Amino acid sequence: MSVFTRSRRASILGAVALVSAGALVLAGCSTGGGTESDPEADAFDFPIDCDEAAPASYTPTYSSTSTGPASGLTYKIGTALPATGNLAFLGPPEIAATEYAASVVNEANKGITIDLIQGDSGDTDNKAYETEIPRVLGEGATAVVGAASSGVSLQFIDQVIAAGAIQFSPANTSAAFTGYEDNGLYWRTAPSDVLQGEVLGNLIAADGAETLGMLILNDSYGTGLACFAKAAFESAGGSVVSAALYNTGDTNFSSQVEDVLAADPDAIALITFEEVKTIIPELLGADFPADKMYLVDGNLANFGDEFDPGTLEGAKGTYPAVDPASIAEFRDSLQAFWTGAGNEELKDFTYGPESFDAVILLALAALEAGSTAGPDVAAHLQQVSGGSGDGTKCTTYAECADIIIGGGVADYDGVSGPITFNEVGDPTEASIGVFQYGSDNNYSFLNVG
């Protein structure tokens, strides 16, 4: 497992190379796509101002007047997860995991009962969040789990904060949230793309590519991840020679594909959401090999028979994940819970562990606080994650709850990893999984970057 710290004053320990946050940002801010040894590549004008990808400086203050532990407290938690939109493939594992976590807490019967209010985040095209967030908050939720998309979360984060509620994302990876002025109310179990970008860039370089093209979703997630991957790839000696942006809602990508291929890159990073299902056939139609394509958490899915057999064989991808074998029991239990409730079998588990842990951590913080008010719960989230307080390690809600009820301090290690929040609500311990597609167009685990 790669361990890194993402406080504003700390350096970032990457999964493949050891670099400082400043070095990552500076390398990514170059408008030229090449290195000093490649003057022709230096002429390429990267279409993103990578200065904007650097985390801002902001440290919230926390205060709580509540006293715990709670007893017989009902906690209304809403969700804003992608039932529709361009990340809808992530919806089932995330929604299932929140339901499963709520059932685990409720069955434990230890101080907290969760009343889960499911809501659809949609995307920035269908804008489901515009009606769903007011509905969820109006029903009394004092925490909202979601969104999956960083760009979508940025559309309603101020609304949640203004309501004094916590926003807790299991999948937001944009570095923009690290410095967001959130009054301490924004938290996430997914690591910043500073880490994934470094792993992705170094993976592509380690596979032998000297030049790289990028096709990028034009939002805070896509542009940030592109900048961090670019920085790592160039630090490893490569050159980004082409890049093209597209917007949410676009359906035709021919011009972007043509622009990226015009530079004849050795590899292409597809930093997209589900639009990749349209982009991949265009690349293959232009004779670009699948084993030179690199996907990311926004599009890494088991496509199966959506493509002809062998279509994606050899392609690789990354997303925040532990070795699936290490959480096999959790995945089996989640699958059994979800199908037992009459739902279709889960095809993917991406961000399922992070969604489960988000609900468990909220419940533990509310238990310790003796309150479900957003500021009160927020004041206890770092401690129950082990980020402060020198607590006792525990791995289930029931085990941690017993520690808290007994007057101790619990340090929850979740199915997504140790988590260990810093003072701004970012996990300081996380790993990036590297995966590869087989002939069945499904991916399997290679290693942790």
Protein backbone atom coordinates (compact mmCIF):
# COMPACT_ATOMS: atom_id res chain seq x y z
CA MET A 1 0.00 0.00 0.00
CA SER A 2 1.26 3.43 -0.87
CA VAL A 3 0.98 5.93 1.92
CA PHE A 4 0.87 9.64 1.36
CA THR A 5 -0.06 12.80 3.22
CA ARG A 6 -2.09 15.58 1.70
CA SER A 7 -2.02 18.44 4.18
CA ARG A 8 -1.26 21.84 2.72
CA ARG A 9 2.14 22.03 4.30
CA ALA A 10 3.23 18.46 3.72
CA SER A 11 4.98 16.85 0.80
CA ILE A 12 3.18 14.21 -1.21
CA LEU A 13 4.55 10.69 -1.18
CA GLY A 14 3.58 9.19 -4.50
CA ALA A 15 3.07 5.55 -5.28
CA VAL A 16 5.80 5.17 -7.89
CA ALA A 17 8.19 8.06 -7.37
CA LEU A 18 8.90 10.29 -4.38
CA VAL A 19 8.21 13.90 -5.29
CA SER A 20 7.03 17.02 -3.50
CA ALA A 21 3.67 18.61 -4.14
CA GLY A 22 5.44 21.68 -5.45
CA ALA A 23 7.43 19.66 -7.94
CA LEU A 24 4.27 17.97 -9.21
CA VAL A 25 2.49 21.25 -9.67
CA LEU A 26 5.41 23.05 -11.27
CA ALA A 27 6.00 20.25 -13.71
CA GLY A 28 2.33 20.18 -14.61
CA CYS A 29 2.08 23.95 -15.09
CA SER A 30 4.30 24.08 -18.15
CA THR A 31 2.34 25.10 -21.23
CA GLY A 32 4.75 23.19 -23.42
CA GLY A 33 4.17 19.48 -23.81
CA GLY A 34 7.75 18.30 -24.03
CA THR A 35 11.02 18.18 -22.15
CA GLU A 36 14.22 20.16 -22.50
CA SER A 37 15.67 17.44 -24.68
CA ASP A 38 12.77 17.59 -27.14
CA PRO A 39 12.46 21.13 -28.53
CA GLU A 40 9.87 20.14 -31.14
CA ALA A 41 7.55 18.80 -28.46
CA ASP A 42 8.04 22.06 -26.52
CA ALA A 43 6.08 23.79 -29.27
CA PHE A 44 2.92 21.93 -28.29
CA ASP A 45 0.51 24.19 -26.42
CA PHE A 46 -1.14 22.19 -23.64
CA PRO A 47 -4.79 23.33 -23.49
CA ILE A 48 -5.00 23.54 -19.68
CA ASP A 49 -3.60 26.11 -17.28
CA CYS A 50 -2.19 23.71 -14.73
CA ASP A 51 -1.67 26.47 -12.17
CA GLU A 52 -5.41 26.15 -11.51
CA ALA A 53 -5.02 22.46 -10.59
CA ALA A 54 -2.85 23.23 -7.57
CA PRO A 55 -4.69 22.97 -4.22
CA ALA A 56 -5.44 26.29 -2.55
CA SER A 57 -4.42 27.04 1.02
CA TYR A 58 -7.22 26.84 3.56
CA THR A 59 -7.43 25.31 7.02
CA PRO A 60 -10.87 25.09 8.64
CA THR A 61 -11.60 25.35 12.33
CA TYR A 62 -13.84 22.88 14.12
CA SER A 63 -16.02 23.31 17.18
CA SER A 64 -18.58 21.13 18.87
CA THR A 65 -20.69 21.80 21.94
CA SER A 66 -22.21 18.32 21.92
CA THR A 67 -21.32 15.58 24.35
CA GLY A 68 -21.44 11.89 23.58
CA PRO A 69 -21.71 9.07 23.25
CA ALA A 70 -25.13 9.06 21.67
CA SER A 71 -27.96 6.82 22.75
CA GLY A 72 -31.01 6.14 20.61
CA LEU A 73 -30.10 8.85 18.07
CA THR A 74 -31.59 8.79 14.53
CA TYR A 75 -29.23 10.13 11.88
CA LYS A 76 -30.76 11.23 8.57
CA ILE A 77 -28.14 10.80 5.85
CA GLY A 78 -28.92 11.69 2.25
CA THR A 79 -27.09 10.61 -0.86
CA ALA A 80 -26.38 12.27 -4.20
CA LEU A 81 -24.97 9.36 -6.17
CA PRO A 82 -25.14 8.80 -9.96
CA ALA A 83 -28.33 6.90 -10.70
CA THR A 84 -28.27 8.75 -14.03
CA GLY A 85 -25.69 10.70 -16.05
CA ASN A 86 -22.24 9.99 -17.39
CA LEU A 87 -21.08 8.19 -14.24
CA ALA A 88 -24.19 6.03 -13.91
CA PHE A 89 -22.07 2.88 -14.11
CA LEU A 90 -20.66 3.85 -10.70
CA GLY A 91 -24.11 4.24 -9.21
CA PRO A 92 -24.93 0.61 -8.35
CA PRO A 93 -21.82 -0.19 -6.25
CA GLU A 94 -21.96 3.16 -4.46
CA ILE A 95 -25.68 3.05 -3.76
CA ALA A 96 -25.50 -0.60 -2.71
CA ALA A 97 -22.62 0.12 -0.33
CA THR A 98 -24.43 3.00 1.39
CA GLU A 99 -27.51 0.80 1.87
CA TYR A 100 -25.34 -2.03 3.17
CA ALA A 101 -23.49 0.24 5.60
CA ALA A 102 -26.75 1.66 6.94
CA SER A 103 -28.02 -1.88 7.52
CA VAL A 104 -24.81 -2.80 9.35
CA VAL A 105 -25.10 0.22 11.65
CA ASN A 106 -28.78 -0.35 12.30
CA GLU A 107 -28.37 -4.05 13.00
CA ALA A 108 -25.62 -3.29 15.53
CA ASN A 109 -28.12 -1.25 17.58
CA LYS A 110 -25.38 0.75 19.25
CA GLY A 111 -26.47 4.35 19.74
CA ILE A 112 -27.15 5.34 16.13
CA THR A 113 -29.96 4.45 13.74
CA ILE A 114 -29.47 5.63 10.16
CA ASP A 115 -32.40 6.88 8.13
CA LEU A 116 -30.95 6.80 4.60
CA ILE A 117 -32.51 9.08 1.97
CA GLN A 118 -31.31 8.12 -1.51
CA GLY A 119 -30.94 10.84 -4.12
CA ASP A 120 -29.65 11.08 -7.70
CA SER A 121 -26.73 13.39 -8.48
CA GLY A 122 -27.06 13.09 -12.25
CA ASP A 123 -24.39 15.05 -14.12
CA THR A 124 -23.80 18.62 -15.24
CA ASP A 125 -25.84 17.95 -18.37
CA ASN A 126 -29.09 16.60 -16.87
CA LYS A 127 -28.62 18.52 -13.59
CA ALA A 128 -30.56 16.06 -11.44
CA TYR A 129 -28.86 17.57 -8.37
CA GLU A 130 -30.78 20.82 -8.83
CA THR A 131 -33.95 19.16 -7.53
CA GLU A 132 -32.44 16.26 -5.57
CA ILE A 133 -30.24 18.23 -3.18
CA PRO A 134 -33.08 20.54 -2.01
CA ARG A 135 -35.30 17.45 -1.61
CA VAL A 136 -32.76 15.52 0.46
CA LEU A 137 -31.95 18.51 2.67
CA GLY A 138 -35.64 19.32 2.94
CA GLU A 139 -36.29 15.84 4.31
CA GLY A 140 -33.91 16.61 7.17
CA ALA A 141 -30.59 15.12 6.06
CA THR A 142 -27.66 16.66 7.94
CA ALA A 143 -25.10 14.79 5.82
CA VAL A 144 -25.04 14.07 2.09
CA VAL A 145 -22.94 11.24 0.66
CA GLY A 146 -21.89 12.23 -2.86
CA ALA A 147 -21.46 13.17 -5.54
CA ALA A 148 -19.23 10.77 -7.42
CA SER A 149 -18.21 13.40 -9.98
CA SER A 150 -16.01 16.22 -8.71
CA GLY A 151 -17.58 18.58 -11.23
CA VAL A 152 -21.05 17.75 -9.96
CA SER A 153 -20.06 18.13 -6.30
CA LEU A 154 -18.79 21.61 -7.06
CA GLN A 155 -22.26 22.51 -8.33
CA PHE A 156 -23.94 22.01 -4.96
CA ILE A 157 -21.24 22.04 -2.28
CA ASP A 158 -22.05 25.64 -1.30
CA GLN A 159 -25.73 24.74 -0.91
CA VAL A 160 -24.91 21.88 1.45
CA ILE A 161 -22.47 23.99 3.47
CA ALA A 162 -25.01 26.82 3.75
CA ALA A 163 -27.44 24.31 5.24
CA GLY A 164 -24.87 23.40 7.90
CA ALA A 165 -24.74 19.84 6.60
CA ILE A 166 -21.75 17.63 5.84
CA GLN A 167 -20.94 16.71 2.26
CA PHE A 168 -19.02 13.44 2.19
CA SER A 169 -17.92 12.09 -1.17
CA PRO A 170 -16.71 8.53 -1.72
CA ALA A 171 -15.32 9.31 -5.16
CA ASN A 172 -14.36 12.99 -5.60
CA THR A 173 -10.70 13.10 -6.50
CA SER A 174 -10.21 16.67 -7.72
CA ALA A 175 -7.48 18.53 -5.86
CA ALA A 176 -9.81 21.54 -5.80
CA PHE A 177 -11.51 20.20 -2.67
CA THR A 178 -8.31 20.16 -0.62
CA GLY A 179 -8.33 23.95 -0.39
CA TYR A 180 -12.06 24.58 -0.67
CA GLU A 181 -13.47 26.98 1.92
CA ASP A 182 -15.95 24.50 3.32
CA ASN A 183 -16.18 25.45 7.02
CA GLY A 184 -14.83 21.97 7.72
CA LEU A 185 -17.97 20.33 6.32
CA TYR A 186 -16.54 18.60 3.22
CA TRP A 187 -14.91 15.16 3.58
CA ARG A 188 -13.98 12.34 1.25
CA THR A 189 -12.70 8.78 1.39
CA ALA A 190 -11.18 8.96 -2.11
CA PRO A 191 -7.62 10.32 -2.46
CA SER A 192 -6.77 13.40 -4.49
CA ASP A 193 -5.80 12.97 -8.14
CA VAL A 194 -2.35 14.23 -7.23
CA LEU A 195 -1.70 10.58 -6.38
CA GLN A 196 -3.57 8.91 -9.24
CA GLY A 197 -1.99 11.30 -11.74
CA GLU A 198 1.46 10.38 -10.52
CA VAL A 199 0.75 6.65 -10.71
CA LEU A 200 -0.81 6.96 -14.16
CA GLY A 201 2.01 9.06 -15.63
CA ASN A 202 4.70 6.78 -14.25
CA LEU A 203 2.83 3.65 -15.37
CA ILE A 204 2.69 4.88 -18.96
CA ALA A 205 6.38 5.80 -18.91
CA ALA A 206 7.35 2.48 -17.31
CA ASP A 207 5.51 0.67 -20.12
CA GLY A 208 7.94 2.25 -22.58
CA ALA A 209 5.97 5.15 -24.03
CA GLU A 210 8.06 8.21 -24.85
CA THR A 211 5.23 10.38 -26.19
CA LEU A 212 1.70 10.71 -24.85
CA GLY A 213 -1.61 12.01 -26.13
CA MET A 214 -4.55 12.86 -23.89
CA LEU A 215 -8.29 13.09 -24.40
CA ILE A 216 -9.71 15.00 -21.44
CA LEU A 217 -13.10 15.78 -19.90
CA ASN A 218 -13.17 19.54 -19.42
CA ASP A 219 -14.08 19.76 -15.74
CA SER A 220 -12.18 20.03 -12.46
CA TYR A 221 -11.63 16.26 -12.33
CA GLY A 222 -10.47 15.80 -15.91
CA THR A 223 -8.20 18.82 -16.14
CA GLY A 224 -6.66 18.26 -12.72
CA LEU A 225 -5.91 14.58 -13.32
CA ALA A 226 -4.49 15.43 -16.75
CA CYS A 227 -2.14 17.99 -15.23
CA PHE A 228 -0.84 15.63 -12.55
CA ALA A 229 -0.40 12.76 -15.03
CA LYS A 230 1.39 15.09 -17.43
CA ALA A 231 3.73 16.23 -14.66
CA ALA A 232 4.64 12.66 -13.72
CA PHE A 233 5.08 11.49 -17.30
CA GLU A 234 7.37 14.40 -18.13
CA SER A 235 9.33 13.95 -14.90
CA ALA A 236 9.93 10.37 -16.04
CA GLY A 237 11.41 11.68 -19.30
CA GLY A 238 8.40 11.55 -21.60
CA SER A 239 6.68 14.24 -23.66
CA VAL A 240 2.98 15.03 -23.87
CA VAL A 241 2.59 15.78 -27.57
CA SER A 242 -1.16 16.20 -28.01
CA ALA A 243 -4.27 16.79 -25.92
CA ALA A 244 -7.89 17.59 -26.65
CA LEU A 245 -10.76 18.65 -24.40
CA TYR A 246 -14.47 17.87 -24.61
CA ASN A 247 -17.45 18.93 -22.49
CA THR A 248 -20.10 16.99 -20.58
CA GLY A 249 -22.99 16.32 -22.93
CA ASP A 250 -20.84 16.08 -26.07
CA THR A 251 -21.65 13.05 -28.21
CA ASN A 252 -19.26 13.40 -31.14
CA PHE A 253 -15.52 13.15 -30.48
CA SER A 254 -14.16 12.76 -34.00
CA SER A 255 -12.32 16.07 -34.04
CA GLN A 256 -10.72 15.42 -30.63
CA VAL A 257 -9.62 11.93 -31.65
CA GLU A 258 -8.20 13.30 -34.89
CA ASP A 259 -6.28 16.04 -33.07
CA VAL A 260 -4.77 13.61 -30.56
CA LEU A 261 -3.78 11.07 -33.20
CA ALA A 262 -2.24 13.72 -35.48
CA ALA A 263 0.86 13.82 -33.25
CA ASP A 264 1.30 10.03 -33.51
CA PRO A 265 1.68 9.45 -29.74
CA ASP A 266 3.04 6.18 -28.38
CA ALA A 267 0.19 6.02 -25.87
CA ILE A 268 -3.10 7.79 -25.15
CA ALA A 269 -4.57 8.56 -21.72
CA LEU A 270 -8.37 8.62 -21.79
CA ILE A 271 -9.37 10.90 -18.93
CA THR A 272 -13.11 10.67 -19.47
CA PHE A 273 -16.34 9.32 -18.07
CA GLU A 274 -18.64 6.89 -19.91
CA GLU A 275 -18.04 8.76 -23.18
CA VAL A 276 -15.08 6.39 -23.52
CA LYS A 277 -17.51 3.85 -25.00
CA THR A 278 -17.82 6.11 -28.03
CA ILE A 279 -14.18 7.21 -28.10
CA ILE A 280 -12.57 3.74 -28.01
CA PRO A 281 -14.16 2.51 -31.28
CA GLU A 282 -12.98 5.68 -33.02
CA LEU A 283 -9.42 5.11 -31.85
CA LEU A 284 -9.50 1.46 -32.87
CA GLY A 285 -11.00 2.44 -36.23
CA ALA A 286 -7.92 4.60 -36.78
CA ASP A 287 -5.72 1.56 -36.03
CA PHE A 288 -4.57 2.79 -32.63
CA PRO A 289 -3.82 -0.32 -30.54
CA ALA A 290 -5.84 -1.05 -27.42
CA ASP A 291 -2.74 -1.99 -25.44
CA LYS A 292 -1.52 1.59 -25.76
CA MET A 293 -4.70 3.02 -24.21
CA TYR A 294 -4.86 3.98 -20.53
CA LEU A 295 -8.13 4.44 -18.68
CA VAL A 296 -8.84 6.02 -15.29
CA ASP A 297 -11.35 5.77 -12.45
CA GLY A 298 -13.94 7.80 -14.35
CA ASN A 299 -14.27 5.16 -17.07
CA LEU A 300 -12.66 1.93 -15.85
CA ALA A 301 -15.51 -0.55 -16.11
CA ASN A 302 -16.12 -4.17 -16.99
CA PHE A 303 -17.48 -3.66 -20.50
CA GLY A 304 -17.88 -7.35 -21.32
CA ASP A 305 -20.03 -7.90 -24.39
CA GLU A 306 -20.56 -4.18 -24.95
CA PHE A 307 -17.53 -4.57 -27.24
CA ASP A 308 -16.53 -7.44 -29.53
CA PRO A 309 -14.32 -10.05 -27.82
CA GLY A 310 -10.70 -8.90 -27.59
CA THR A 311 -11.50 -5.23 -28.27
CA LEU A 312 -9.83 -3.93 -25.11
CA GLU A 313 -7.28 -6.67 -24.55
CA GLY A 314 -4.07 -5.21 -23.12
CA ALA A 315 -5.50 -1.80 -22.21
CA LYS A 316 -4.68 -0.66 -18.68
CA GLY A 317 -6.29 1.60 -16.16
CA THR A 318 -6.01 3.01 -12.65
CA TYR A 319 -8.38 3.86 -9.85
CA PRO A 320 -8.11 4.25 -6.06
CA ALA A 321 -8.35 0.69 -4.77
CA VAL A 322 -6.79 -1.90 -2.55
CA ASP A 323 -6.04 -5.41 -3.81
CA PRO A 324 -9.52 -6.89 -4.48
CA ALA A 325 -8.38 -10.17 -2.92
CA SER A 326 -7.93 -8.37 0.41
CA ILE A 327 -11.62 -7.35 0.49
CA ALA A 328 -13.13 -10.44 -1.13
CA GLU A 329 -15.31 -11.07 1.93
CA PHE A 330 -16.69 -7.53 1.80
CA ARG A 331 -17.43 -7.78 -1.94
CA ASP A 332 -19.21 -11.12 -1.46
CA SER A 333 -21.26 -9.73 1.42
CA LEU A 334 -22.16 -6.59 -0.54
CA GLN A 335 -23.19 -8.67 -3.54
CA ALA A 336 -25.32 -10.97 -1.39
CA PHE A 337 -26.96 -8.01 0.37
CA TRP A 338 -27.74 -6.22 -2.89
CA THR A 339 -29.08 -9.18 -4.85
CA GLY A 340 -30.93 -10.38 -1.77
CA ALA A 341 -32.86 -7.11 -1.86
CA GLY A 342 -34.01 -7.94 -5.40
CA ASN A 343 -31.44 -5.91 -7.33
CA GLU A 344 -29.37 -6.97 -10.32
CA GLU A 345 -25.93 -8.40 -9.63
CA LEU A 346 -23.18 -5.80 -9.36
CA LYS A 347 -20.83 -5.78 -12.36
CA ASP A 348 -18.28 -3.45 -10.79
CA PHE A 349 -17.30 -2.53 -7.25
CA THR A 350 -15.55 0.76 -7.99
CA TYR A 351 -15.89 3.13 -5.02
CA GLY A 352 -18.14 0.67 -3.21
CA PRO A 353 -15.65 0.32 -0.31
CA GLU A 354 -15.23 4.10 -0.09
CA SER A 355 -19.04 4.55 -0.03
CA PHE A 356 -19.42 1.97 2.74
CA ASP A 357 -16.70 3.61 4.81
CA ALA A 358 -18.21 7.07 4.35
CA VAL A 359 -21.44 5.98 6.05
CA ILE A 360 -19.65 4.07 8.81
CA LEU A 361 -17.41 7.04 9.60
CA LEU A 362 -20.36 9.43 9.72
CA ALA A 363 -22.16 7.09 12.12
CA LEU A 364 -19.11 6.75 14.38
CA ALA A 365 -18.52 10.51 14.46
CA ALA A 366 -22.18 11.11 15.32
CA LEU A 367 -22.00 8.46 18.03
CA GLU A 368 -18.91 10.07 19.55
CA ALA A 369 -20.41 13.57 19.26
CA GLY A 370 -23.80 12.58 20.62
CA SER A 371 -25.25 14.73 17.84
CA THR A 372 -26.16 14.57 14.15
CA ALA A 373 -25.67 18.30 13.50
CA GLY A 374 -23.19 18.84 10.67
CA PRO A 375 -20.61 20.91 12.59
CA ASP A 376 -20.74 18.53 15.57
CA VAL A 377 -20.18 15.42 13.45
CA ALA A 378 -17.44 17.18 11.44
CA ALA A 379 -15.57 17.98 14.66
CA HIS A 380 -15.24 14.24 15.37
CA LEU A 381 -14.57 12.76 11.91
CA GLN A 382 -10.80 13.14 12.02
CA GLN A 383 -10.54 11.45 15.40
CA VAL A 384 -12.69 8.39 14.58
CA SER A 385 -10.58 7.88 11.43
CA GLY A 386 -7.36 7.80 13.43
CA GLY A 387 -6.14 11.17 12.18
CA SER A 388 -5.99 12.44 15.77
CA GLY A 389 -6.55 11.15 19.27
CA ASP A 390 -4.26 8.08 19.38
CA GLY A 391 -7.26 5.74 19.30
CA THR A 392 -7.64 1.98 19.44
CA LYS A 393 -7.72 0.24 16.05
CA CYS A 394 -11.05 -1.32 15.05
CA THR A 395 -12.48 -2.53 11.75
CA THR A 396 -16.26 -2.71 12.17
CA TYR A 397 -18.94 -0.30 13.30
CA ALA A 398 -19.89 -2.53 16.24
CA GLU A 399 -16.30 -2.92 17.42
CA CYS A 400 -15.58 0.80 17.16
CA ALA A 401 -18.91 1.72 18.76
CA ASP A 402 -18.15 -0.43 21.78
CA ILE A 403 -14.87 1.45 22.25
CA ILE A 404 -16.63 4.82 22.05
CA ILE A 405 -19.50 3.76 24.32
CA GLY A 406 -16.94 2.48 26.82
CA GLY A 407 -15.31 5.92 26.99
CA GLY A 408 -12.38 5.23 24.67
CA VAL A 409 -11.24 6.62 21.33
CA ALA A 410 -11.85 4.50 18.23
CA ASP A 411 -9.57 4.47 15.17
CA TYR A 412 -11.59 2.95 12.32
CA ASP A 413 -9.68 1.15 9.56
CA GLY A 414 -12.12 0.57 6.73
CA VAL A 415 -12.50 -1.74 3.77
CA SER A 416 -11.08 1.01 1.53
CA GLY A 417 -7.96 1.32 3.72
CA PRO A 418 -6.86 3.01 6.97
CA ILE A 419 -8.22 6.38 5.69
CA THR A 420 -6.74 8.54 8.51
CA PHE A 421 -8.13 12.00 7.76
CA ASN A 422 -5.98 15.11 7.95
CA GLU A 423 -7.28 18.44 9.20
CA VAL A 424 -8.96 19.27 5.87
CA GLY A 425 -10.95 16.08 5.46
CA ASP A 426 -8.63 14.30 3.03
CA PRO A 427 -7.51 10.70 3.61
CA THR A 428 -3.78 10.50 4.25
CA GLU A 429 -3.45 6.78 3.50
CA ALA A 430 -4.63 5.41 0.18
CA SER A 431 -3.52 3.24 -2.71
CA ILE A 432 -4.03 3.29 -6.46
CA GLY A 433 -4.80 -0.02 -8.15
CA VAL A 434 -3.43 -0.83 -11.59
CA PHE A 435 -5.66 -3.02 -13.76
CA GLN A 436 -5.47 -4.63 -17.21
CA TYR A 437 -8.18 -5.74 -19.63
CA GLY A 438 -8.40 -9.29 -20.89
CA SER A 439 -9.94 -10.72 -24.05
CA ASP A 440 -13.38 -10.62 -22.40
CA ASN A 441 -13.19 -6.81 -22.13
CA ASN A 442 -13.19 -7.04 -18.34
CA TYR A 443 -10.32 -5.87 -16.18
CA SER A 444 -8.30 -7.72 -13.57
CA PHE A 445 -5.98 -6.49 -10.84
CA LEU A 446 -2.27 -6.24 -11.65
CA ASN A 447 -0.82 -4.47 -8.63
CA VAL A 448 -1.03 -1.46 -6.36
CA GLY A 449 0.87 1.48 -7.78
